[in-house]
Amino acid sequence: MAKKEIERNSFNELLVILLKLVFYIVLIYFNNNKPMLYESVPVLDKIGYSLMIFFSASLVVSIVRFIIIRLYIRRNKLKNKVKDNFIIGINQIESVLNTVFVIIAVMYFLDINPITFLTSITIVAAAIALLTKEYIANMINGLIIMFSDRLSLGDHIRIGNEEGKILDLTLINVILQNEDNDMVLIPNSVVFNSIIVNQSKQNVKKLTVDFEVDINRKLTSGILEEEFEAITKDFKEFIVEDGLSVKVTAIKKDFVHFKVQVLLRYYDKLREKQIRRLLQGKILELSSAKE
């Protein structure tokens, strides 16, 4: 079962670039040929100049971004509408740069020289950087995740006790949709420093159930495998050939701990739930049966 691709709209991207270019040309014209309204309302001249600074920088970034993405798509022979980690990362960088350009434009509107301002608040900037170091580290980790091939949109992963499908990758969080259709937000710093099981990269989905049985029941792995294979025969096409196994994980004084593992050909939430229920029902039946 192929993973559904996340699409992007190339036409909208070109339209945004075109609109920025039109605004920039209009702002340049008004800046060089100041209308009468500028003389009567001087603040409009400052607004126009500030907007011109923003659009000049933002336009360059948008064009560079579009060229990089086009080259990336052509090099990797992807569909024009595909949206993967690399493209998400480029988009996030563009968003950060546009935020910086907005701040610079506001400074010019307030007659504040950005370079002079930055040098004059060096100590304050250092304190701010110290206070926000975890936030900055989270953003850096997010970019590393986006530009790596560890995780991709649509992958089914497990991080610690959380398991689900990746809905989105942001500079702050990895957003999962778990089996209960809840949205789980995991900070990028946690993801970056955690052990991740990416079942989508393995091309199979592992379903595991841990359980324990009274040692007096004298159940073996072989017996349990036969029982579980019998009840899951209707899902044969969904389960990898010889993909059902049972192993002993621990032997205690009164109980034997088992783990049943089923390898599924692809992720299907409904079928996985049905198989899990069958296994759990059989486990309860075997555990409560009289000797």
C-alpha atoms as a PDB file:
ATOM      1  CA  MET A   1       0.000   0.000   0.000  1.00  0.00           C
ATOM      2  CA  ALA A   2       1.716   3.190  -1.153  1.00  0.00           C
ATOM      3  CA  LYS A   3       2.075   6.066   1.251  1.00  0.00           C
ATOM      4  CA  LYS A   4      -0.018   9.033   0.283  1.00  0.00           C
ATOM      5  CA  GLU A   5       2.171  11.911  -0.838  1.00  0.00           C
ATOM      6  CA  ILE A   6       1.852  15.326   0.747  1.00  0.00           C
ATOM      7  CA  GLU A   7       1.342  17.813  -2.058  1.00  0.00           C
ATOM      8  CA  ARG A   8       2.387  21.418  -2.555  1.00  0.00           C
ATOM      9  CA  ASN A   9       0.934  23.932  -4.998  1.00  0.00           C
ATOM     10  CA  SER A  10       3.626  25.228  -7.378  1.00  0.00           C
ATOM     11  CA  PHE A  11       1.186  27.638  -9.041  1.00  0.00           C
ATOM     12  CA  ASN A  12       0.472  29.384  -5.729  1.00  0.00           C
ATOM     13  CA  GLU A  13       4.215  29.698  -5.085  1.00  0.00           C
ATOM     14  CA  LEU A  14       4.750  31.386  -8.454  1.00  0.00           C
ATOM     15  CA  LEU A  15       1.741  33.619  -7.832  1.00  0.00           C
ATOM     16  CA  VAL A  16       3.189  34.760  -4.485  1.00  0.00           C
ATOM     17  CA  ILE A  17       6.516  35.602  -6.161  1.00  0.00           C
ATOM     18  CA  LEU A  18       4.709  37.533  -8.903  1.00  0.00           C
ATOM     19  CA  LEU A  19       2.635  39.514  -6.382  1.00  0.00           C
ATOM     20  CA  LYS A  20       5.758  40.364  -4.367  1.00  0.00           C
ATOM     21  CA  LEU A  21       7.454  41.547  -7.553  1.00  0.00           C
ATOM     22  CA  VAL A  22       4.477  43.757  -8.482  1.00  0.00           C
ATOM     23  CA  PHE A  23       4.359  45.286  -4.974  1.00  0.00           C
ATOM     24  CA  TYR A  24       8.097  45.866  -5.062  1.00  0.00           C
ATOM     25  CA  ILE A  25       7.961  47.632  -8.455  1.00  0.00           C
ATOM     26  CA  VAL A  26       5.052  49.814  -7.277  1.00  0.00           C
ATOM     27  CA  LEU A  27       6.907  50.718  -4.073  1.00  0.00           C
ATOM     28  CA  ILE A  28      10.071  51.603  -6.017  1.00  0.00           C
ATOM     29  CA  TYR A  29       8.038  53.824  -8.343  1.00  0.00           C
ATOM     30  CA  PHE A  30       6.411  55.665  -5.439  1.00  0.00           C
ATOM     31  CA  ASN A  31       9.757  55.997  -3.681  1.00  0.00           C
ATOM     32  CA  ASN A  32      11.370  57.620  -6.762  1.00  0.00           C
ATOM     33  CA  ASN A  33       8.307  59.605  -7.810  1.00  0.00           C
ATOM     34  CA  LYS A  34       6.797  60.655  -4.528  1.00  0.00           C
ATOM     35  CA  PRO A  35       3.056  61.427  -4.921  1.00  0.00           C
ATOM     36  CA  MET A  36       1.444  64.526  -3.410  1.00  0.00           C
ATOM     37  CA  LEU A  37      -0.108  62.357  -0.711  1.00  0.00           C
ATOM     38  CA  TYR A  38       3.368  61.642   0.675  1.00  0.00           C
ATOM     39  CA  GLU A  39       3.894  65.380   1.282  1.00  0.00           C
ATOM     40  CA  SER A  40       0.603  65.821   3.109  1.00  0.00           C
ATOM     41  CA  VAL A  41       0.959  62.543   5.054  1.00  0.00           C
ATOM     42  CA  PRO A  42       4.722  62.002   5.620  1.00  0.00           C
ATOM     43  CA  VAL A  43       4.148  58.763   7.508  1.00  0.00           C
ATOM     44  CA  LEU A  44       3.071  57.131   4.229  1.00  0.00           C
ATOM     45  CA  ASP A  45       6.538  57.780   2.821  1.00  0.00           C
ATOM     46  CA  LYS A  46       8.096  55.954   5.793  1.00  0.00           C
ATOM     47  CA  ILE A  47       5.643  53.078   5.468  1.00  0.00           C
ATOM     48  CA  GLY A  48       6.372  52.763   1.750  1.00  0.00           C
ATOM     49  CA  TYR A  49      10.148  52.798   2.316  1.00  0.00           C
ATOM     50  CA  SER A  50       9.873  50.171   5.076  1.00  0.00           C
ATOM     51  CA  LEU A  51       7.699  47.941   2.899  1.00  0.00           C
ATOM     52  CA  MET A  52      10.157  48.337   0.030  1.00  0.00           C
ATOM     53  CA  ILE A  53      12.974  47.057   2.268  1.00  0.00           C
ATOM     54  CA  PHE A  54      10.877  44.074   3.325  1.00  0.00           C
ATOM     55  CA  PHE A  55       9.702  43.113  -0.169  1.00  0.00           C
ATOM     56  CA  SER A  56      13.165  43.504  -1.709  1.00  0.00           C
ATOM     57  CA  ALA A  57      14.660  40.978   0.730  1.00  0.00           C
ATOM     58  CA  SER A  58      11.614  38.705   0.815  1.00  0.00           C
ATOM     59  CA  LEU A  59      11.414  38.608  -2.991  1.00  0.00           C
ATOM     60  CA  VAL A  60      15.047  37.509  -3.305  1.00  0.00           C
ATOM     61  CA  VAL A  61      14.545  34.773  -0.706  1.00  0.00           C
ATOM     62  CA  SER A  62      11.364  33.532  -2.426  1.00  0.00           C
ATOM     63  CA  ILE A  63      13.088  33.340  -5.815  1.00  0.00           C
ATOM     64  CA  VAL A  64      16.126  31.547  -4.378  1.00  0.00           C
ATOM     65  CA  ARG A  65      13.842  29.163  -2.499  1.00  0.00           C
ATOM     66  CA  PHE A  66      11.821  28.386  -5.632  1.00  0.00           C
ATOM     67  CA  ILE A  67      14.982  27.727  -7.672  1.00  0.00           C
ATOM     68  CA  ILE A  68      16.463  25.459  -4.977  1.00  0.00           C
ATOM     69  CA  ILE A  69      13.258  23.430  -4.737  1.00  0.00           C
ATOM     70  CA  ARG A  70      12.997  23.106  -8.524  1.00  0.00           C
ATOM     71  CA  LEU A  71      16.600  21.893  -8.763  1.00  0.00           C
ATOM     72  CA  TYR A  72      16.022  19.492  -5.869  1.00  0.00           C
ATOM     73  CA  ILE A  73      12.897  18.048  -7.515  1.00  0.00           C
ATOM     74  CA  ARG A  74      14.644  17.679 -10.881  1.00  0.00           C
ATOM     75  CA  ARG A  75      17.762  16.118  -9.344  1.00  0.00           C
ATOM     76  CA  ASN A  76      15.768  13.564  -7.343  1.00  0.00           C
ATOM     77  CA  LYS A  77      13.226  13.020 -10.133  1.00  0.00           C
ATOM     78  CA  LEU A  78      10.267  13.829  -7.903  1.00  0.00           C
ATOM     79  CA  LYS A  79       6.798  14.953  -8.854  1.00  0.00           C
ATOM     80  CA  ASN A  80       6.382  18.724  -9.101  1.00  0.00           C
ATOM     81  CA  LYS A  81       3.719  18.741  -6.382  1.00  0.00           C
ATOM     82  CA  VAL A  82       5.547  16.555  -3.890  1.00  0.00           C
ATOM     83  CA  LYS A  83       6.342  17.976  -0.465  1.00  0.00           C
ATOM     84  CA  ASP A  84       9.020  16.211   1.564  1.00  0.00           C
ATOM     85  CA  ASN A  85      11.337  16.976   4.500  1.00  0.00           C
ATOM     86  CA  PHE A  86      13.836  19.017   2.482  1.00  0.00           C
ATOM     87  CA  ILE A  87      11.110  21.243   1.063  1.00  0.00           C
ATOM     88  CA  ILE A  88       9.544  21.653   4.518  1.00  0.00           C
ATOM     89  CA  GLY A  89      12.958  22.689   5.880  1.00  0.00           C
ATOM     90  CA  ILE A  90      13.440  25.270   3.107  1.00  0.00           C
ATOM     91  CA  ASN A  91       9.955  26.645   3.795  1.00  0.00           C
ATOM     92  CA  GLN A  92      10.712  26.980   7.506  1.00  0.00           C
ATOM     93  CA  ILE A  93      13.962  28.828   6.794  1.00  0.00           C
ATOM     94  CA  GLU A  94      12.078  31.210   4.499  1.00  0.00           C
ATOM     95  CA  SER A  95       9.528  31.853   7.271  1.00  0.00           C
ATOM     96  CA  VAL A  96      12.287  32.656   9.772  1.00  0.00           C
ATOM     97  CA  LEU A  97      14.018  35.012   7.319  1.00  0.00           C
ATOM     98  CA  ASN A  98      10.735  36.788   6.508  1.00  0.00           C
ATOM     99  CA  THR A  99      10.193  37.339  10.234  1.00  0.00           C
ATOM    100  CA  VAL A 100      13.659  38.886  10.466  1.00  0.00           C
ATOM    101  CA  PHE A 101      12.904  41.119   7.455  1.00  0.00           C
ATOM    102  CA  VAL A 102       9.670  42.296   9.093  1.00  0.00           C
ATOM    103  CA  ILE A 103      11.588  43.264  12.246  1.00  0.00           C
ATOM    104  CA  ILE A 104      14.200  45.153  10.186  1.00  0.00           C
ATOM    105  CA  ALA A 105      11.469  46.957   8.224  1.00  0.00           C
ATOM    106  CA  VAL A 106       9.775  48.018  11.486  1.00  0.00           C
ATOM    107  CA  MET A 107      13.126  49.327  12.764  1.00  0.00           C
ATOM    108  CA  TYR A 108      13.534  51.494   9.672  1.00  0.00           C
ATOM    109  CA  PHE A 109       9.987  52.774  10.130  1.00  0.00           C
ATOM    110  CA  LEU A 110      10.891  53.778  13.697  1.00  0.00           C
ATOM    111  CA  ASP A 111      14.137  55.408  12.464  1.00  0.00           C
ATOM    112  CA  ILE A 112      16.243  52.766  14.214  1.00  0.00           C
ATOM    113  CA  ASN A 113      19.417  51.624  12.490  1.00  0.00           C
ATOM    114  CA  PRO A 114      19.439  47.803  12.827  1.00  0.00           C
ATOM    115  CA  ILE A 115      23.247  47.542  13.005  1.00  0.00           C
ATOM    116  CA  THR A 116      23.539  50.324  15.595  1.00  0.00           C
ATOM    117  CA  PHE A 117      20.666  48.809  17.544  1.00  0.00           C
ATOM    118  CA  LEU A 118      22.235  45.345  17.633  1.00  0.00           C
ATOM    119  CA  THR A 119      25.629  46.638  18.745  1.00  0.00           C
ATOM    120  CA  SER A 120      24.047  48.795  21.448  1.00  0.00           C
ATOM    121  CA  ILE A 121      22.158  45.899  23.050  1.00  0.00           C
ATOM    122  CA  THR A 122      24.940  43.322  22.948  1.00  0.00           C
ATOM    123  CA  ILE A 123      24.601  42.491  26.639  1.00  0.00           C
ATOM    124  CA  VAL A 124      20.811  42.336  26.439  1.00  0.00           C
ATOM    125  CA  ALA A 125      21.040  40.161  23.305  1.00  0.00           C
ATOM    126  CA  ALA A 126      23.397  37.789  25.093  1.00  0.00           C
ATOM    127  CA  ALA A 127      20.959  37.529  28.010  1.00  0.00           C
ATOM    128  CA  ILE A 128      18.047  36.897  25.633  1.00  0.00           C
ATOM    129  CA  ALA A 129      20.063  34.216  23.819  1.00  0.00           C
ATOM    130  CA  LEU A 130      20.847  32.581  27.151  1.00  0.00           C
ATOM    131  CA  LEU A 131      17.202  32.567  28.192  1.00  0.00           C
ATOM    132  CA  THR A 132      16.020  31.215  24.866  1.00  0.00           C
ATOM    133  CA  LYS A 133      18.819  28.708  24.257  1.00  0.00           C
ATOM    134  CA  GLU A 134      16.468  25.743  24.668  1.00  0.00           C
ATOM    135  CA  TYR A 135      14.029  27.253  22.170  1.00  0.00           C
ATOM    136  CA  ILE A 136      16.861  27.937  19.712  1.00  0.00           C
ATOM    137  CA  ALA A 137      18.251  24.420  20.210  1.00  0.00           C
ATOM    138  CA  ASN A 138      14.759  23.061  19.542  1.00  0.00           C
ATOM    139  CA  MET A 139      14.611  24.992  16.258  1.00  0.00           C
ATOM    140  CA  ILE A 140      18.063  23.787  15.202  1.00  0.00           C
ATOM    141  CA  ASN A 141      17.103  20.192  16.012  1.00  0.00           C
ATOM    142  CA  GLY A 142      13.940  20.690  13.970  1.00  0.00           C
ATOM    143  CA  LEU A 143      15.930  21.803  10.934  1.00  0.00           C
ATOM    144  CA  ILE A 144      18.307  18.845  11.317  1.00  0.00           C
ATOM    145  CA  ILE A 145      15.321  16.467  11.413  1.00  0.00           C
ATOM    146  CA  MET A 146      13.794  18.108   8.337  1.00  0.00           C
ATOM    147  CA  PHE A 147      16.966  17.882   6.273  1.00  0.00           C
ATOM    148  CA  SER A 148      17.729  14.306   7.294  1.00  0.00           C
ATOM    149  CA  ASP A 149      16.077  11.140   6.045  1.00  0.00           C
ATOM    150  CA  ARG A 150      15.328   9.750   9.503  1.00  0.00           C
ATOM    151  CA  LEU A 151      11.705  10.869   9.448  1.00  0.00           C
ATOM    152  CA  SER A 152       9.261  11.777   6.699  1.00  0.00           C
ATOM    153  CA  LEU A 153       5.659  12.933   6.527  1.00  0.00           C
ATOM    154  CA  GLY A 154       3.333   9.954   6.777  1.00  0.00           C
ATOM    155  CA  ASP A 155       5.871   7.679   8.488  1.00  0.00           C
ATOM    156  CA  HIS A 156       4.541   5.476  11.288  1.00  0.00           C
ATOM    157  CA  ILE A 157       6.978   5.784  14.199  1.00  0.00           C
ATOM    158  CA  ARG A 158       7.352   5.036  17.886  1.00  0.00           C
ATOM    159  CA  ILE A 159       9.118   7.450  20.240  1.00  0.00           C
ATOM    160  CA  GLY A 160       9.172   6.293  23.845  1.00  0.00           C
ATOM    161  CA  ASN A 161       5.574   5.538  24.798  1.00  0.00           C
ATOM    162  CA  GLU A 162       4.124   7.467  21.871  1.00  0.00           C
ATOM    163  CA  GLU A 163       3.305   5.816  18.562  1.00  0.00           C
ATOM    164  CA  GLY A 164       1.576   7.132  15.471  1.00  0.00           C
ATOM    165  CA  LYS A 165       1.769   8.664  12.001  1.00  0.00           C
ATOM    166  CA  ILE A 166       3.707  11.872  11.368  1.00  0.00           C
ATOM    167  CA  LEU A 167       1.266  14.583  10.307  1.00  0.00           C
ATOM    168  CA  ASP A 168       3.680  17.509  10.254  1.00  0.00           C
ATOM    169  CA  LEU A 169       7.238  18.598  11.006  1.00  0.00           C
ATOM    170  CA  THR A 170       7.705  22.110  12.406  1.00  0.00           C
ATOM    171  CA  LEU A 171      10.572  24.077  13.912  1.00  0.00           C
ATOM    172  CA  ILE A 172       9.176  23.327  17.361  1.00  0.00           C
ATOM    173  CA  ASN A 173       7.433  19.944  17.290  1.00  0.00           C
ATOM    174  CA  VAL A 174       6.909  16.706  15.466  1.00  0.00           C
ATOM    175  CA  ILE A 175       3.143  16.199  15.269  1.00  0.00           C
ATOM    176  CA  LEU A 176       1.873  12.622  15.494  1.00  0.00           C
ATOM    177  CA  GLN A 177      -1.589  11.132  15.094  1.00  0.00           C
ATOM    178  CA  ASN A 178      -1.880   8.153  17.406  1.00  0.00           C
ATOM    179  CA  GLU A 179      -4.234   5.180  17.211  1.00  0.00           C
ATOM    180  CA  ASP A 180      -6.924   7.117  19.100  1.00  0.00           C
ATOM    181  CA  ASN A 181      -6.765   9.902  16.468  1.00  0.00           C
ATOM    182  CA  ASP A 182      -5.278  12.231  19.080  1.00  0.00           C
ATOM    183  CA  MET A 183      -2.685  14.750  17.951  1.00  0.00           C
ATOM    184  CA  VAL A 184       0.517  14.365  19.947  1.00  0.00           C
ATOM    185  CA  LEU A 185       3.102  17.159  19.870  1.00  0.00           C
ATOM    186  CA  ILE A 186       6.629  16.010  20.672  1.00  0.00           C
ATOM    187  CA  PRO A 187       9.369  18.680  21.025  1.00  0.00           C
ATOM    188  CA  ASN A 188      12.128  18.367  18.443  1.00  0.00           C
ATOM    189  CA  SER A 189      14.784  18.199  21.158  1.00  0.00           C
ATOM    190  CA  VAL A 190      13.056  15.115  22.593  1.00  0.00           C
ATOM    191  CA  VAL A 191      12.785  13.523  19.145  1.00  0.00           C
ATOM    192  CA  PHE A 192      16.405  14.310  18.321  1.00  0.00           C
ATOM    193  CA  ASN A 193      17.698  12.712  21.518  1.00  0.00           C
ATOM    194  CA  SER A 194      15.356   9.714  21.628  1.00  0.00           C
ATOM    195  CA  ILE A 195      15.478   6.224  20.195  1.00  0.00           C
ATOM    196  CA  ILE A 196      13.061   6.170  17.272  1.00  0.00           C
ATOM    197  CA  VAL A 197      11.500   3.089  15.722  1.00  0.00           C
ATOM    198  CA  ASN A 198      10.462   4.004  12.191  1.00  0.00           C
ATOM    199  CA  GLN A 199       8.263   1.180  11.022  1.00  0.00           C
ATOM    200  CA  SER A 200       7.623   2.799   7.644  1.00  0.00           C
ATOM    201  CA  LYS A 201      11.318   2.687   6.751  1.00  0.00           C
ATOM    202  CA  GLN A 202      11.300  -1.032   7.536  1.00  0.00           C
ATOM    203  CA  ASN A 203       8.535  -1.543   4.912  1.00  0.00           C
ATOM    204  CA  VAL A 204       6.650  -3.609   7.505  1.00  0.00           C
ATOM    205  CA  LYS A 205       4.568  -2.826  10.565  1.00  0.00           C
ATOM    206  CA  LYS A 206       5.252  -4.725  13.745  1.00  0.00           C
ATOM    207  CA  LEU A 207       2.370  -5.617  16.020  1.00  0.00           C
ATOM    208  CA  THR A 208       3.471  -6.927  19.417  1.00  0.00           C
ATOM    209  CA  VAL A 209       1.535  -8.108  22.445  1.00  0.00           C
ATOM    210  CA  ASP A 210       3.229  -8.945  25.752  1.00  0.00           C
ATOM    211  CA  PHE A 211       1.472 -11.269  28.156  1.00  0.00           C
ATOM    212  CA  GLU A 212       2.092 -13.772  30.918  1.00  0.00           C
ATOM    213  CA  VAL A 213       0.656 -17.241  31.574  1.00  0.00           C
ATOM    214  CA  ASP A 214       0.568 -19.359  34.698  1.00  0.00           C
ATOM    215  CA  ILE A 215       3.605 -21.638  34.607  1.00  0.00           C
ATOM    216  CA  ASN A 216       1.365 -24.618  35.430  1.00  0.00           C
ATOM    217  CA  ARG A 217      -0.439 -24.197  32.106  1.00  0.00           C
ATOM    218  CA  LYS A 218       2.681 -25.655  30.428  1.00  0.00           C
ATOM    219  CA  LEU A 219       2.198 -23.626  27.278  1.00  0.00           C
ATOM    220  CA  THR A 220       5.143 -23.427  24.884  1.00  0.00           C
ATOM    221  CA  SER A 221       6.001 -20.981  22.127  1.00  0.00           C
ATOM    222  CA  GLY A 222       5.169 -23.618  19.510  1.00  0.00           C
ATOM    223  CA  ILE A 223       1.711 -24.303  20.926  1.00  0.00           C
ATOM    224  CA  LEU A 224       0.931 -20.588  21.140  1.00  0.00           C
ATOM    225  CA  GLU A 225       2.103 -19.964  17.585  1.00  0.00           C
ATOM    226  CA  GLU A 226      -0.257 -22.655  16.282  1.00  0.00           C
ATOM    227  CA  GLU A 227      -3.162 -21.167  18.236  1.00  0.00           C
ATOM    228  CA  PHE A 228      -2.474 -17.627  17.029  1.00  0.00           C
ATOM    229  CA  GLU A 229      -1.946 -18.678  13.403  1.00  0.00           C
ATOM    230  CA  ALA A 230      -5.289 -20.469  13.457  1.00  0.00           C
ATOM    231  CA  ILE A 231      -7.247 -17.419  14.591  1.00  0.00           C
ATOM    232  CA  THR A 232      -5.458 -15.019  12.205  1.00  0.00           C
ATOM    233  CA  LYS A 233      -5.781 -17.149   9.059  1.00  0.00           C
ATOM    234  CA  ASP A 234      -8.366 -14.751   7.604  1.00  0.00           C
ATOM    235  CA  PHE A 235      -5.668 -12.046   7.588  1.00  0.00           C
ATOM    236  CA  LYS A 236      -3.097 -14.172   5.765  1.00  0.00           C
ATOM    237  CA  GLU A 237      -2.703 -11.720   2.870  1.00  0.00           C
ATOM    238  CA  PHE A 238      -2.145  -8.862   5.319  1.00  0.00           C
ATOM    239  CA  ILE A 239       0.501 -10.688   7.395  1.00  0.00           C
ATOM    240  CA  VAL A 240       4.030 -11.271   6.092  1.00  0.00           C
ATOM    241  CA  GLU A 241       4.725 -14.936   5.327  1.00  0.00           C
ATOM    242  CA  ASP A 242       6.073 -16.631   8.484  1.00  0.00           C
ATOM    243  CA  GLY A 243       5.679 -13.242  10.141  1.00  0.00           C
ATOM    244  CA  LEU A 244       3.963 -14.512  13.307  1.00  0.00           C
ATOM    245  CA  SER A 245       6.258 -15.589  16.109  1.00  0.00           C
ATOM    246  CA  VAL A 246       6.069 -16.172  19.853  1.00  0.00           C
ATOM    247  CA  LYS A 247       9.048 -16.090  22.176  1.00  0.00           C
ATOM    248  CA  VAL A 248       9.632 -16.397  25.896  1.00  0.00           C
ATOM    249  CA  THR A 249      10.924 -13.149  27.397  1.00  0.00           C
ATOM    250  CA  ALA A 250      11.175 -14.248  31.040  1.00  0.00           C
ATOM    251  CA  ILE A 251      10.438 -17.214  33.309  1.00  0.00           C
ATOM    252  CA  LYS A 252       9.339 -16.439  36.854  1.00  0.00           C
ATOM    253  CA  LYS A 253       8.376 -18.642  39.770  1.00  0.00           C
ATOM    254  CA  ASP A 254       4.661 -18.585  38.972  1.00  0.00           C
ATOM    255  CA  PHE A 255       4.438 -17.093  35.487  1.00  0.00           C
ATOM    256  CA  VAL A 256       6.029 -17.313  32.066  1.00  0.00           C
ATOM    257  CA  HIS A 257       6.258 -14.044  30.113  1.00  0.00           C
ATOM    258  CA  PHE A 258       5.676 -14.289  26.368  1.00  0.00           C
ATOM    259  CA  LYS A 259       5.769 -11.859  23.477  1.00  0.00           C
ATOM    260  CA  VAL A 260       3.829 -12.455  20.265  1.00  0.00           C
ATOM    261  CA  GLN A 261       5.005 -10.462  17.257  1.00  0.00           C
ATOM    262  CA  VAL A 262       3.164 -10.141  13.957  1.00  0.00           C
ATOM    263  CA  LEU A 263       4.772  -8.545  10.898  1.00  0.00           C
ATOM    264  CA  LEU A 264       2.215  -6.717   8.782  1.00  0.00           C
ATOM    265  CA  ARG A 265       2.779  -5.904   5.130  1.00  0.00           C
ATOM    266  CA  TYR A 266       1.699  -2.275   5.553  1.00  0.00           C
ATOM    267  CA  TYR A 267       0.034   0.000   8.049  1.00  0.00           C
ATOM    268  CA  ASP A 268      -3.722  -0.429   8.286  1.00  0.00           C
ATOM    269  CA  LYS A 269      -5.211   0.824  11.525  1.00  0.00           C
ATOM    270  CA  LEU A 270      -8.487  -1.123  11.280  1.00  0.00           C
ATOM    271  CA  ARG A 271      -6.940  -4.502  10.453  1.00  0.00           C
ATOM    272  CA  GLU A 272      -4.225  -4.069  13.040  1.00  0.00           C
ATOM    273  CA  LYS A 273      -6.870  -3.415  15.689  1.00  0.00           C
ATOM    274  CA  GLN A 274      -8.834  -6.503  14.605  1.00  0.00           C
ATOM    275  CA  ILE A 275      -5.759  -8.738  14.810  1.00  0.00           C
ATOM    276  CA  ARG A 276      -4.796  -7.300  18.192  1.00  0.00           C
ATOM    277  CA  ARG A 277      -8.282  -8.046  19.551  1.00  0.00           C
ATOM    278  CA  LEU A 278      -8.137 -11.626  18.257  1.00  0.00           C
ATOM    279  CA  LEU A 279      -4.757 -12.190  19.899  1.00  0.00           C
ATOM    280  CA  GLN A 280      -5.854 -10.664  23.184  1.00  0.00           C
ATOM    281  CA  GLY A 281      -9.067 -12.721  23.187  1.00  0.00           C
ATOM    282  CA  LYS A 282      -7.117 -15.925  22.583  1.00  0.00           C
ATOM    283  CA  ILE A 283      -4.630 -15.043  25.312  1.00  0.00           C
ATOM    284  CA  LEU A 284      -7.466 -14.557  27.803  1.00  0.00           C
ATOM    285  CA  GLU A 285      -9.016 -17.807  26.709  1.00  0.00           C
ATOM    286  CA  LEU A 286      -5.780 -19.781  27.139  1.00  0.00           C
ATOM    287  CA  SER A 287      -4.954 -18.104  30.440  1.00  0.00           C
ATOM    288  CA  SER A 288      -8.349 -18.853  31.999  1.00  0.00           C
ATOM    289  CA  ALA A 289      -8.755 -22.385  30.625  1.00  0.00           C
ATOM    290  CA  LYS A 290      -8.723 -25.192  33.148  1.00  0.00           C
ATOM    291  CA  GLU A 291      -5.837 -27.650  33.085  1.00  0.00           C
END
